[in-house]
């Protein structure tokens, strides 16, 4: 199943600790989950407002478990995040 996950950064919190950046590299490089796309979401002024990831995994429970291990999420950098099942139509 494909899932779309969006995390929205806390307002005015544009500094990410180096330790979180390193953990994020490991998080994204894991070999078990097929991450199709991941990248920043930018506001109208071009500032980073969050991120979106499309990934494939067997079911929603495993998708939720994966998301919960995100370094940004565990560090409290997101004010909100949402996980959706994604179905490509094109």
N, C-alpha and C. Protein backbone atom coordinates (compact mmCIF):
# COMPACT_ATOMS: atom_id res chain seq x y z
N UNK A 1 0.84 -1.18 0.00
CA UNK A 1 0.00 0.00 0.00
C UNK A 1 0.89 1.24 0.00
N UNK A 2 0.42 2.27 -0.67
CA UNK A 2 1.13 3.55 -0.67
C UNK A 2 0.52 4.47 0.38
N UNK A 3 1.39 5.25 1.03
CA UNK A 3 0.95 6.22 2.02
C UNK A 3 1.60 7.55 1.75
N UNK A 4 0.86 8.61 2.03
CA UNK A 4 1.39 9.97 1.98
C UNK A 4 1.42 10.48 3.40
N UNK A 5 2.58 10.95 3.80
CA UNK A 5 2.74 11.50 5.15
C UNK A 5 3.23 12.93 5.03
N UNK A 6 2.55 13.85 5.72
CA UNK A 6 2.93 15.25 5.73
C UNK A 6 3.16 15.69 7.16
N UNK A 7 4.28 16.35 7.38
CA UNK A 7 4.59 16.93 8.68
C UNK A 7 4.74 18.43 8.51
N UNK A 8 4.14 19.19 9.42
CA UNK A 8 4.17 20.65 9.34
C UNK A 8 4.99 21.20 10.50
N UNK A 9 6.04 21.94 10.17
CA UNK A 9 6.98 22.44 11.17
C UNK A 9 6.34 23.47 12.09
N UNK A 10 6.86 23.54 13.31
CA UNK A 10 6.44 24.58 14.24
C UNK A 10 6.76 25.94 13.63
N UNK A 11 5.89 26.94 13.83
CA UNK A 11 6.16 28.27 13.29
C UNK A 11 7.48 28.83 13.82
N UNK A 12 8.21 29.49 12.94
CA UNK A 12 9.47 30.15 13.28
C UNK A 12 10.51 29.19 13.88
N UNK A 13 10.41 27.92 13.57
CA UNK A 13 11.37 26.94 14.07
C UNK A 13 12.11 26.35 12.88
N UNK A 14 12.99 27.17 12.30
CA UNK A 14 13.66 26.74 11.07
C UNK A 14 15.06 26.18 11.31
N UNK A 15 15.45 26.02 12.57
CA UNK A 15 16.75 25.42 12.86
C UNK A 15 16.55 23.97 13.30
N UNK A 16 17.27 23.10 12.65
CA UNK A 16 17.20 21.68 12.96
C UNK A 16 18.54 21.26 13.57
N UNK A 17 18.52 20.71 14.77
CA UNK A 17 19.79 20.29 15.38
C UNK A 17 20.53 19.29 14.50
N UNK A 18 21.86 19.38 14.51
CA UNK A 18 22.69 18.46 13.72
C UNK A 18 22.38 17.01 14.04
N UNK A 19 22.15 16.70 15.31
CA UNK A 19 21.87 15.32 15.70
C UNK A 19 20.60 14.80 15.02
N UNK A 20 19.59 15.66 14.90
CA UNK A 20 18.34 15.27 14.23
C UNK A 20 18.59 15.09 12.74
N UNK A 21 19.41 15.93 12.14
CA UNK A 21 19.72 15.79 10.72
C UNK A 21 20.42 14.46 10.45
N UNK A 22 21.37 14.09 11.31
CA UNK A 22 22.05 12.80 11.14
C UNK A 22 21.09 11.63 11.30
N UNK A 23 20.24 11.70 12.31
CA UNK A 23 19.25 10.64 12.53
C UNK A 23 18.29 10.53 11.35
N UNK A 24 17.96 11.67 10.75
CA UNK A 24 17.06 11.67 9.60
C UNK A 24 17.69 10.97 8.41
N UNK A 25 18.97 11.16 8.20
CA UNK A 25 19.66 10.46 7.11
C UNK A 25 19.54 8.95 7.28
N UNK A 26 19.74 8.47 8.50
CA UNK A 26 19.59 7.04 8.78
C UNK A 26 18.15 6.58 8.61
N UNK A 27 17.21 7.40 9.07
CA UNK A 27 15.78 7.11 8.97
C UNK A 27 15.38 6.92 7.50
N UNK A 28 15.86 7.80 6.63
CA UNK A 28 15.51 7.73 5.21
C UNK A 28 16.26 6.63 4.47
N UNK A 29 17.41 6.24 4.96
CA UNK A 29 18.24 5.25 4.28
C UNK A 29 17.91 3.81 4.67
N UNK A 30 16.99 3.62 5.60
CA UNK A 30 16.67 2.26 6.02
C UNK A 30 16.25 1.42 4.81
N UNK A 31 16.57 0.13 4.79
CA UNK A 31 16.36 -0.69 3.60
C UNK A 31 15.01 -1.42 3.53
N UNK A 32 14.16 -1.25 4.52
CA UNK A 32 12.97 -2.10 4.60
C UNK A 32 11.69 -1.49 4.03
N UNK A 33 11.65 -0.18 3.93
CA UNK A 33 10.46 0.52 3.46
C UNK A 33 10.82 1.27 2.19
N UNK A 34 10.00 1.09 1.16
CA UNK A 34 10.25 1.71 -0.14
C UNK A 34 9.75 3.16 -0.11
N UNK A 35 10.69 4.09 0.11
CA UNK A 35 10.34 5.51 0.10
C UNK A 35 10.42 5.98 -1.35
N UNK A 36 9.27 6.37 -1.90
CA UNK A 36 9.20 6.79 -3.30
C UNK A 36 9.62 8.24 -3.49
N UNK A 37 9.09 9.12 -2.65
CA UNK A 37 9.38 10.55 -2.75
C UNK A 37 9.44 11.13 -1.35
N UNK A 38 10.31 12.10 -1.17
CA UNK A 38 10.34 12.86 0.08
C UNK A 38 10.96 14.21 -0.22
N UNK A 39 10.38 15.25 0.33
CA UNK A 39 10.92 16.58 0.11
C UNK A 39 10.19 17.63 0.91
N UNK A 40 10.73 18.84 0.92
CA UNK A 40 10.15 19.91 1.72
C UNK A 40 8.87 20.48 1.10
N UNK A 41 8.02 20.98 1.97
CA UNK A 41 6.87 21.79 1.58
C UNK A 41 7.25 23.23 1.91
N UNK A 42 7.05 24.13 0.96
CA UNK A 42 7.46 25.53 1.15
C UNK A 42 6.23 26.44 1.11
N UNK A 43 6.28 27.48 1.93
CA UNK A 43 5.17 28.43 1.96
C UNK A 43 5.30 29.43 0.80
N UNK A 44 4.42 30.42 0.77
CA UNK A 44 4.38 31.39 -0.34
C UNK A 44 5.67 32.20 -0.45
N UNK A 45 6.40 32.36 0.66
CA UNK A 45 7.66 33.10 0.64
C UNK A 45 8.85 32.21 0.38
N UNK A 46 8.62 30.92 0.17
CA UNK A 46 9.70 29.99 -0.11
C UNK A 46 10.37 29.39 1.11
N UNK A 47 9.84 29.70 2.30
CA UNK A 47 10.39 29.13 3.53
C UNK A 47 9.89 27.71 3.72
N UNK A 48 10.74 26.88 4.28
CA UNK A 48 10.37 25.50 4.56
C UNK A 48 9.27 25.48 5.62
N UNK A 49 8.14 24.88 5.28
CA UNK A 49 6.99 24.81 6.19
C UNK A 49 6.74 23.39 6.68
N UNK A 50 7.33 22.42 6.01
CA UNK A 50 7.11 21.03 6.40
C UNK A 50 7.72 20.10 5.37
N UNK A 51 7.22 18.88 5.35
CA UNK A 51 7.71 17.89 4.38
C UNK A 51 6.57 16.96 4.00
N UNK A 52 6.76 16.31 2.86
CA UNK A 52 5.83 15.28 2.42
C UNK A 52 6.64 14.08 1.97
N UNK A 53 6.14 12.91 2.30
CA UNK A 53 6.79 11.66 1.94
C UNK A 53 5.73 10.71 1.38
N UNK A 54 6.06 10.04 0.28
CA UNK A 54 5.24 8.96 -0.26
C UNK A 54 6.06 7.68 -0.10
N UNK A 55 5.47 6.69 0.57
CA UNK A 55 6.20 5.44 0.78
C UNK A 55 5.25 4.25 0.68
N UNK A 56 5.85 3.08 0.44
CA UNK A 56 5.07 1.86 0.30
C UNK A 56 5.40 0.92 1.46
N UNK A 57 4.34 0.37 2.04
CA UNK A 57 4.48 -0.57 3.17
C UNK A 57 3.22 -1.43 3.21
N UNK A 58 3.28 -2.54 3.90
CA UNK A 58 2.21 -3.55 3.84
C UNK A 58 0.84 -3.07 4.32
N UNK A 59 0.79 -2.31 5.42
CA UNK A 59 -0.52 -1.91 5.96
C UNK A 59 -0.40 -0.64 6.79
N UNK A 60 -1.55 -0.11 7.20
CA UNK A 60 -1.59 1.16 7.93
C UNK A 60 -0.87 1.06 9.28
N UNK A 61 -1.02 -0.03 9.99
CA UNK A 61 -0.36 -0.17 11.29
C UNK A 61 1.15 -0.04 11.16
N UNK A 62 1.71 -0.67 10.14
CA UNK A 62 3.16 -0.57 9.92
C UNK A 62 3.55 0.83 9.47
N UNK A 63 2.69 1.49 8.69
CA UNK A 63 2.96 2.86 8.26
C UNK A 63 2.98 3.79 9.48
N UNK A 64 2.01 3.63 10.37
CA UNK A 64 1.97 4.46 11.57
C UNK A 64 3.20 4.21 12.45
N UNK A 65 3.60 2.96 12.58
CA UNK A 65 4.78 2.64 13.38
C UNK A 65 6.04 3.27 12.79
N UNK A 66 6.16 3.26 11.46
CA UNK A 66 7.30 3.88 10.79
C UNK A 66 7.32 5.38 11.05
N UNK A 67 6.19 6.03 10.86
CA UNK A 67 6.10 7.48 11.05
C UNK A 67 6.49 7.86 12.47
N UNK A 68 6.06 7.10 13.43
CA UNK A 68 6.34 7.42 14.83
C UNK A 68 7.83 7.40 15.16
N UNK A 69 8.66 6.79 14.31
CA UNK A 69 10.10 6.76 14.55
C UNK A 69 10.83 7.93 13.88
N UNK A 70 10.11 8.82 13.23
CA UNK A 70 10.72 9.96 12.55
C UNK A 70 11.50 10.83 13.55
N UNK A 71 12.76 11.12 13.26
CA UNK A 71 13.53 11.99 14.15
C UNK A 71 12.91 13.38 14.33
N UNK A 72 12.32 13.94 13.28
CA UNK A 72 11.69 15.26 13.40
C UNK A 72 10.50 15.18 14.35
N UNK A 73 9.73 14.11 14.24
CA UNK A 73 8.55 13.95 15.09
C UNK A 73 8.96 13.73 16.55
N UNK A 74 9.91 12.83 16.78
CA UNK A 74 10.33 12.55 18.16
C UNK A 74 11.05 13.74 18.79
N UNK A 75 11.65 14.62 17.98
CA UNK A 75 12.31 15.81 18.51
C UNK A 75 11.32 16.96 18.74
N UNK A 76 10.06 16.76 18.38
CA UNK A 76 9.05 17.79 18.60
C UNK A 76 9.10 18.94 17.62
N UNK A 77 9.64 18.71 16.42
CA UNK A 77 9.75 19.79 15.43
C UNK A 77 8.47 20.01 14.63
N UNK A 78 7.54 19.06 14.66
CA UNK A 78 6.28 19.21 13.92
C UNK A 78 5.17 19.70 14.84
N UNK A 79 4.43 20.71 14.36
CA UNK A 79 3.24 21.15 15.09
C UNK A 79 2.08 20.23 14.81
N UNK A 80 2.13 19.57 13.64
CA UNK A 80 1.07 18.66 13.23
C UNK A 80 1.63 17.74 12.17
N UNK A 81 1.05 16.57 12.06
CA UNK A 81 1.40 15.65 10.97
C UNK A 81 0.20 14.79 10.65
N UNK A 82 0.11 14.38 9.40
CA UNK A 82 -1.03 13.60 8.92
C UNK A 82 -0.53 12.46 8.05
N UNK A 83 -1.17 11.31 8.18
CA UNK A 83 -0.85 10.13 7.38
C UNK A 83 -2.10 9.72 6.63
N UNK A 84 -1.97 9.53 5.32
CA UNK A 84 -3.10 9.15 4.48
C UNK A 84 -2.72 7.97 3.59
N UNK A 85 -3.67 7.09 3.34
CA UNK A 85 -3.45 6.09 2.29
C UNK A 85 -3.49 6.86 0.97
N UNK A 86 -2.58 6.52 0.06
CA UNK A 86 -2.47 7.23 -1.20
C UNK A 86 -2.71 6.26 -2.34
N UNK A 87 -3.53 6.66 -3.30
CA UNK A 87 -3.79 5.85 -4.48
C UNK A 87 -3.47 6.67 -5.71
N UNK A 88 -2.45 6.26 -6.44
CA UNK A 88 -2.08 6.98 -7.66
C UNK A 88 -3.09 6.65 -8.76
N UNK A 89 -3.56 7.69 -9.44
CA UNK A 89 -4.53 7.48 -10.51
C UNK A 89 -3.94 7.78 -11.89
N UNK A 90 -2.77 8.34 -11.94
CA UNK A 90 -2.17 8.69 -13.23
C UNK A 90 -0.78 8.06 -13.32
